[in-house]
C-alpha atoms as a PDB file:
ATOM      1  CA  PHE A   1     -30.800-160.306-129.151  1.00  0.00           C
ATOM      2  CA  LEU A   2     -31.702-159.780-125.488  1.00  0.00           C
ATOM      3  CA  ARG A   3     -28.115-160.346-124.342  1.00  0.00           C
ATOM      4  CA  VAL A   4     -26.900-157.606-126.650  1.00  0.00           C
ATOM      5  CA  THR A   5     -29.650-155.094-125.881  1.00  0.00           C
ATOM      6  CA  LYS A   6     -30.125-155.828-122.168  1.00  0.00           C
ATOM      7  CA  GLN A   7     -27.802-153.052-121.050  1.00  0.00           C
ATOM      8  CA  TYR A   8     -29.590-150.414-123.177  1.00  0.00           C
ATOM      9  CA  LEU A   9     -33.194-151.263-122.284  1.00  0.00           C
ATOM     10  CA  PRO A  10     -33.288-149.365-118.942  1.00  0.00           C
ATOM     11  CA  HIS A  11     -32.078-146.198-120.694  1.00  0.00           C
ATOM     12  CA  VAL A  12     -34.657-146.568-123.460  1.00  0.00           C
ATOM     13  CA  ALA A  13     -37.412-147.198-120.895  1.00  0.00           C
ATOM     14  CA  ARG A  14     -36.466-144.066-118.940  1.00  0.00           C
ATOM     15  CA  LEU A  15     -36.385-142.036-122.142  1.00  0.00           C
ATOM     16  CA  CYS A  16     -39.869-143.255-123.059  1.00  0.00           C
ATOM     17  CA  LEU A  17     -41.194-142.371-119.608  1.00  0.00           C
ATOM     18  CA  ILE A  18     -39.885-138.786-119.661  1.00  0.00           C
ATOM     19  CA  SER A  19     -40.329-138.125-123.378  1.00  0.00           C
ATOM     20  CA  THR A  20     -43.403-135.932-122.865  1.00  0.00           C
ATOM     21  CA  PHE A  21     -41.550-133.680-120.427  1.00  0.00           C
ATOM     22  CA  LEU A  22     -38.515-133.538-122.699  1.00  0.00           C
ATOM     23  CA  GLU A  23     -40.625-132.595-125.723  1.00  0.00           C
ATOM     24  CA  ASP A  24     -42.553-129.983-123.765  1.00  0.00           C
ATOM     25  CA  GLY A  25     -39.366-128.437-122.376  1.00  0.00           C
ATOM     26  CA  ILE A  26     -37.768-128.222-125.810  1.00  0.00           C
ATOM     27  CA  ARG A  27     -40.978-126.781-127.282  1.00  0.00           C
ATOM     28  CA  MET A  28     -41.041-124.131-124.556  1.00  0.00           C
ATOM     29  CA  TRP A  29     -37.502-123.164-125.501  1.00  0.00           C
ATOM     30  CA  PHE A  30     -38.461-122.628-129.137  1.00  0.00           C
ATOM     31  CA  GLN A  31     -41.867-121.051-128.417  1.00  0.00           C
ATOM     32  CA  TRP A  32     -40.726-118.872-125.541  1.00  0.00           C
ATOM     33  CA  SER A  33     -42.555-115.705-126.604  1.00  0.00           C
ATOM     34  CA  GLU A  34     -45.812-117.498-127.409  1.00  0.00           C
ATOM     35  CA  GLN A  35     -45.815-119.266-124.032  1.00  0.00           C
ATOM     36  CA  ARG A  36     -44.970-116.065-122.171  1.00  0.00           C
ATOM     37  CA  ASP A  37     -47.643-114.071-124.010  1.00  0.00           C
ATOM     38  CA  TYR A  38     -50.253-116.751-123.319  1.00  0.00           C
ATOM     39  CA  ILE A  39     -49.542-116.763-119.569  1.00  0.00           C
ATOM     40  CA  ASP A  40     -49.479-112.964-119.522  1.00  0.00           C
ATOM     41  CA  SER A  41     -52.803-112.661-121.331  1.00  0.00           C
ATOM     42  CA  THR A  42     -54.494-115.462-119.384  1.00  0.00           C
ATOM     43  CA  TRP A  43     -53.439-114.373-115.896  1.00  0.00           C
ATOM     44  CA  ASN A  44     -52.774-110.700-116.649  1.00  0.00           C
ATOM     45  CA  CYS A  45     -49.677-110.973-114.478  1.00  0.00           C
ATOM     46  CA  GLY A  46     -47.164-108.943-116.459  1.00  0.00           C
ATOM     47  CA  TYR A  47     -44.189-109.667-118.654  1.00  0.00           C
ATOM     48  CA  LEU A  48     -41.726-110.431-115.827  1.00  0.00           C
ATOM     49  CA  LEU A  49     -43.918-112.863-113.920  1.00  0.00           C
ATOM     50  CA  ALA A  50     -45.004-114.642-117.107  1.00  0.00           C
ATOM     51  CA  SER A  51     -41.361-114.977-118.190  1.00  0.00           C
ATOM     52  CA  SER A  52     -40.455-116.298-114.740  1.00  0.00           C
ATOM     53  CA  PHE A  53     -43.208-118.895-114.927  1.00  0.00           C
ATOM     54  CA  VAL A  54     -42.130-120.100-118.371  1.00  0.00           C
ATOM     55  CA  PHE A  55     -38.495-120.223-117.236  1.00  0.00           C
ATOM     56  CA  LEU A  56     -39.397-122.192-114.099  1.00  0.00           C
ATOM     57  CA  ASN A  57     -41.467-124.582-116.177  1.00  0.00           C
ATOM     58  CA  LEU A  58     -38.718-125.050-118.750  1.00  0.00           C
ATOM     59  CA  LEU A  59     -35.964-125.452-116.162  1.00  0.00           C
ATOM     60  CA  GLY A  60     -38.023-127.851-114.030  1.00  0.00           C
ATOM     61  CA  GLN A  61     -38.869-130.104-116.944  1.00  0.00           C
ATOM     62  CA  LEU A  62     -35.421-130.267-118.504  1.00  0.00           C
ATOM     63  CA  THR A  63     -33.631-130.639-115.168  1.00  0.00           C
ATOM     64  CA  GLY A  64     -36.000-133.422-114.123  1.00  0.00           C
ATOM     65  CA  CYS A  65     -35.425-135.204-117.437  1.00  0.00           C
ATOM     66  CA  VAL A  66     -31.648-134.968-117.157  1.00  0.00           C
ATOM     67  CA  LEU A  67     -31.700-136.251-113.574  1.00  0.00           C
ATOM     68  CA  VAL A  68     -33.935-139.201-114.439  1.00  0.00           C
ATOM     69  CA  LEU A  69     -31.836-140.147-117.466  1.00  0.00           C
ATOM     70  CA  SER A  70     -28.580-139.845-115.519  1.00  0.00           C
ATOM     71  CA  ARG A  71     -30.049-141.823-112.588  1.00  0.00           C
ATOM     72  CA  ASN A  72     -29.162-139.085-110.103  1.00  0.00           C
ATOM     73  CA  PHE A  73     -31.715-138.015-107.490  1.00  0.00           C
ATOM     74  CA  VAL A  74     -34.448-139.860-109.396  1.00  0.00           C
ATOM     75  CA  GLN A  75     -36.977-139.642-106.566  1.00  0.00           C
ATOM     76  CA  TYR A  76     -36.551-135.864-106.267  1.00  0.00           C
ATOM     77  CA  ALA A  77     -36.665-135.483-110.052  1.00  0.00           C
ATOM     78  CA  CYS A  78     -39.968-137.381-110.192  1.00  0.00           C
ATOM     79  CA  PHE A  79     -41.400-135.202-107.416  1.00  0.00           C
ATOM     80  CA  GLY A  80     -40.261-132.134-109.359  1.00  0.00           C
ATOM     81  CA  LEU A  81     -41.888-133.368-112.563  1.00  0.00           C
ATOM     82  CA  PHE A  82     -45.082-134.098-110.637  1.00  0.00           C
ATOM     83  CA  GLY A  83     -44.947-130.534-109.305  1.00  0.00           C
ATOM     84  CA  ILE A  84     -44.603-129.246-112.859  1.00  0.00           C
ATOM     85  CA  ILE A  85     -47.751-131.180-113.801  1.00  0.00           C
ATOM     86  CA  ALA A  86     -49.646-129.617-110.889  1.00  0.00           C
ATOM     87  CA  LEU A  87     -48.331-126.166-111.783  1.00  0.00           C
ATOM     88  CA  GLN A  88     -49.337-126.528-115.429  1.00  0.00           C
ATOM     89  CA  THR A  89     -52.774-127.810-114.450  1.00  0.00           C
ATOM     90  CA  ILE A  90     -53.417-124.604-112.525  1.00  0.00           C
ATOM     91  CA  ALA A  91     -51.635-122.177-114.851  1.00  0.00           C
ATOM     92  CA  TYR A  92     -53.171-123.417-118.093  1.00  0.00           C
ATOM     93  CA  SER A  93     -56.629-123.914-116.490  1.00  0.00           C
ATOM     94  CA  ILE A  94     -56.707-127.555-117.544  1.00  0.00           C
ATOM     95  CA  LEU A  95     -58.566-128.555-114.402  1.00  0.00           C
ATOM     96  CA  TRP A  96     -61.669-126.617-115.452  1.00  0.00           C
ATOM     97  CA  ASP A  97     -61.563-127.478-119.166  1.00  0.00           C
ATOM     98  CA  LEU A  98     -64.480-129.896-119.551  1.00  0.00           C
ATOM     99  CA  LYS A  99     -63.533-130.909-123.103  1.00  0.00           C
ATOM    100  CA  PHE A 100     -59.974-131.800-122.010  1.00  0.00           C
ATOM    101  CA  LEU A 101     -61.227-133.794-118.998  1.00  0.00           C
ATOM    102  CA  MET A 102     -63.698-135.739-121.119  1.00  0.00           C
ATOM    103  CA  ARG A 103     -61.016-136.549-123.682  1.00  0.00           C
ATOM    104  CA  LEU A 104     -58.674-137.603-120.867  1.00  0.00           C
ATOM    105  CA  SER A 105     -61.272-139.848-119.226  1.00  0.00           C
ATOM    106  CA  ARG A 106     -62.167-141.434-122.590  1.00  0.00           C
ATOM    107  CA  THR A 107     -58.475-142.178-123.200  1.00  0.00           C
ATOM    108  CA  SER A 108     -58.066-143.589-119.706  1.00  0.00           C
ATOM    109  CA  TRP A 109     -61.076-145.885-120.075  1.00  0.00           C
ATOM    110  CA  ALA A 110     -59.887-147.055-123.489  1.00  0.00           C
ATOM    111  CA  GLN A 111     -56.559-148.117-121.986  1.00  0.00           C
ATOM    112  CA  LEU A 112     -58.267-150.308-119.384  1.00  0.00           C
END
């Protein structure tokens, strides 16, 4: 079994690692207006800037996923995906959401 599947396992592992970014990018595509309206109402930044943010987020996530899966510029793609995480943390005010942080820390401790 391992001899047959050995060549596919690295691709499956990469897909599992980037699956969250891939799902989030695809969801942003289908929920474009909801995402844009949320950023606009949260930051009161206007339609154009909110659309630009959602587009940057979508493009960064999907481009990073494609680069990781194709094994091209993997290090830069990972840095880009890390930047997307930092950007989302600030934009969606996750850093100051006590309930989210408590849930995250509980999950992290449960995995140890």
